[in-house]
Amino acid sequence: MTGHRMLILPRPTDAELAILQVLWEHGTCTVRDVHEVLHRRDGTGYTTALKMLQIMHDKGLVERDESQRAHVYRAAVSKERTQKRFLADMVKRVFDGSPSRLVLQALGDHKASREELQQIRALLNQLDKDAGK
């Protein structure tokens, strides 16, 4: 990537997250590709998608391949890194810095699938082992 990347990337807005979701799901996309997916979801116009991708490129959230006639964009930030950043912010601002309060609230209000519960148990078992070291 060019010199656009900052040490700490800005937090994506809701509209930018919608575009990142498209890029994470589909990989590299042209503006038209992004527009077609977003238009189906929320009626976003082509020029809106173009402007958003240009802004996101300037922020360092997406990378742009200009070697083809239609510029191709891809996410410059991973879905996992973005999720962790939003989650850390939510824990800090909404749950007084307590990850356990977040988990208890989430599990208390939403029905988890059997597979999700198995993943949670495996994570808890690993965290318990790590705490015992």
Protein backbone atom coordinates (compact mmCIF):
# COMPACT_ATOMS: atom_id res chain seq x y z
CA MET A 1 0.00 0.00 0.00
CA THR A 2 1.11 3.56 -0.55
CA GLY A 3 1.81 6.07 2.19
CA HIS A 4 -1.88 6.32 3.17
CA ARG A 5 -1.66 3.79 5.99
CA MET A 6 -1.54 5.38 9.40
CA LEU A 7 -0.23 3.64 12.47
CA ILE A 8 -3.77 3.55 13.86
CA LEU A 9 -6.48 3.50 11.22
CA PRO A 10 -9.62 5.55 11.81
CA ARG A 11 -12.71 3.83 13.09
CA PRO A 12 -15.03 3.09 10.16
CA THR A 13 -18.43 4.76 10.07
CA ASP A 14 -21.57 2.66 9.64
CA ALA A 15 -21.59 3.37 5.88
CA GLU A 16 -17.90 2.43 5.63
CA LEU A 17 -18.57 -0.78 7.57
CA ALA A 18 -21.26 -1.72 5.05
CA ILE A 19 -18.68 -1.38 2.26
CA LEU A 20 -16.06 -3.29 4.24
CA GLN A 21 -18.61 -6.09 4.74
CA VAL A 22 -19.00 -6.31 0.95
CA LEU A 23 -15.22 -6.40 0.45
CA TRP A 24 -14.71 -8.98 3.20
CA GLU A 25 -17.42 -11.17 1.69
CA HIS A 26 -16.44 -10.79 -1.97
CA GLY A 27 -12.72 -9.98 -1.83
CA THR A 28 -11.68 -7.48 -4.46
CA CYS A 29 -14.48 -5.44 -6.05
CA THR A 30 -14.96 -2.62 -8.50
CA VAL A 31 -17.10 0.35 -7.54
CA ARG A 32 -19.88 -1.18 -9.65
CA ASP A 33 -19.60 -4.48 -7.73
CA VAL A 34 -19.87 -2.66 -4.40
CA HIS A 35 -22.75 -0.53 -5.68
CA GLU A 36 -24.69 -3.57 -6.91
CA VAL A 37 -24.45 -5.33 -3.55
CA LEU A 38 -25.23 -2.20 -1.52
CA HIS A 39 -28.04 -1.13 -3.87
CA ARG A 40 -29.77 -4.45 -3.24
CA ARG A 41 -29.39 -3.93 0.50
CA ASP A 42 -30.14 -0.23 1.01
CA GLY A 43 -30.57 1.59 -2.29
CA THR A 44 -27.11 3.21 -2.30
CA GLY A 45 -26.37 5.07 -5.55
CA TYR A 46 -23.28 4.46 -7.71
CA THR A 47 -21.81 7.93 -7.05
CA THR A 48 -22.28 7.41 -3.31
CA ALA A 49 -20.38 4.11 -3.45
CA LEU A 50 -17.62 5.77 -5.54
CA LYS A 51 -17.27 8.71 -3.16
CA MET A 52 -17.26 6.44 -0.10
CA LEU A 53 -14.54 4.21 -1.59
CA GLN A 54 -12.44 7.28 -2.43
CA ILE A 55 -12.79 8.57 1.14
CA MET A 56 -12.01 5.13 2.55
CA HIS A 57 -8.92 4.93 0.33
CA ASP A 58 -7.75 8.31 1.63
CA LYS A 59 -8.28 7.06 5.21
CA GLY A 60 -6.34 3.86 4.52
CA LEU A 61 -9.34 1.55 5.07
CA VAL A 62 -9.22 0.17 1.52
CA GLU A 63 -6.50 -0.36 -1.04
CA ARG A 64 -7.03 0.45 -4.71
CA ASP A 65 -5.51 -1.29 -7.74
CA GLU A 66 -5.36 1.32 -10.48
CA SER A 67 -3.70 -0.93 -13.05
CA GLN A 68 -7.02 -1.78 -14.70
CA ARG A 69 -9.51 0.54 -16.35
CA ALA A 70 -12.05 -0.05 -13.58
CA HIS A 71 -10.25 0.47 -10.29
CA VAL A 72 -10.42 -2.55 -8.02
CA TYR A 73 -10.73 -2.12 -4.27
CA ARG A 74 -10.00 -4.47 -1.40
CA ALA A 75 -10.19 -4.06 2.36
CA ALA A 76 -6.96 -2.83 3.92
CA VAL A 77 -8.15 -3.89 7.37
CA SER A 78 -9.17 -7.40 8.37
CA LYS A 79 -12.63 -8.22 9.58
CA GLU A 80 -11.18 -9.71 12.75
CA ARG A 81 -9.10 -6.63 13.56
CA THR A 82 -12.09 -4.37 12.98
CA GLN A 83 -14.35 -6.55 15.14
CA LYS A 84 -11.78 -6.52 17.95
CA ARG A 85 -11.48 -2.74 17.76
CA PHE A 86 -15.24 -2.18 17.91
CA LEU A 87 -15.63 -4.75 20.66
CA ALA A 88 -12.87 -3.20 22.78
CA ASP A 89 -14.51 0.21 22.36
CA MET A 90 -17.93 -1.18 23.31
CA VAL A 91 -16.54 -2.96 26.38
CA LYS A 92 -14.87 0.26 27.48
CA ARG A 93 -17.79 2.61 26.81
CA VAL A 94 -20.83 0.46 27.55
CA PHE A 95 -19.69 -2.24 29.98
CA ASP A 96 -17.34 -0.25 32.24
CA GLY A 97 -14.31 -2.06 30.80
CA SER A 98 -15.61 -5.48 31.86
CA PRO A 99 -15.56 -8.13 29.10
CA SER A 100 -17.40 -10.55 31.39
CA ARG A 101 -20.35 -8.12 31.69
CA LEU A 102 -20.55 -8.01 27.89
CA VAL A 103 -20.50 -11.81 27.63
CA LEU A 104 -23.07 -12.27 30.38
CA GLN A 105 -25.37 -9.71 28.78
CA ALA A 106 -24.98 -11.24 25.33
CA LEU A 107 -25.57 -14.80 26.50
CA GLY A 108 -28.41 -13.82 28.79
CA ASP A 109 -30.38 -12.04 26.07
CA HIS A 110 -29.69 -14.18 23.01
CA LYS A 111 -30.10 -17.88 22.38
CA ALA A 112 -26.77 -19.39 21.32
CA SER A 113 -26.69 -22.44 19.07
CA ARG A 114 -25.25 -25.72 20.31
CA GLU A 115 -22.18 -25.15 18.11
CA GLU A 116 -21.68 -21.65 19.49
CA LEU A 117 -21.96 -22.96 23.05
CA GLN A 118 -19.32 -25.61 22.29
CA GLN A 119 -17.01 -22.90 20.94
CA ILE A 120 -17.62 -20.78 24.04
CA ARG A 121 -16.88 -23.78 26.32
CA ALA A 122 -13.67 -24.50 24.42
CA LEU A 123 -12.61 -20.87 24.76
CA LEU A 124 -13.44 -20.84 28.48
CA ASN A 125 -11.50 -24.07 29.00
CA GLN A 126 -8.48 -22.57 27.19
CA LEU A 127 -8.71 -19.34 29.20
CA ASP A 128 -8.95 -21.38 32.41
CA LYS A 129 -5.82 -23.38 31.45
CA ASP A 130 -3.95 -20.19 30.57
CA ALA A 131 -4.94 -18.56 33.87
CA GLY A 132 -3.58 -21.56 35.80
CA LYS A 133 -0.08 -21.18 34.35
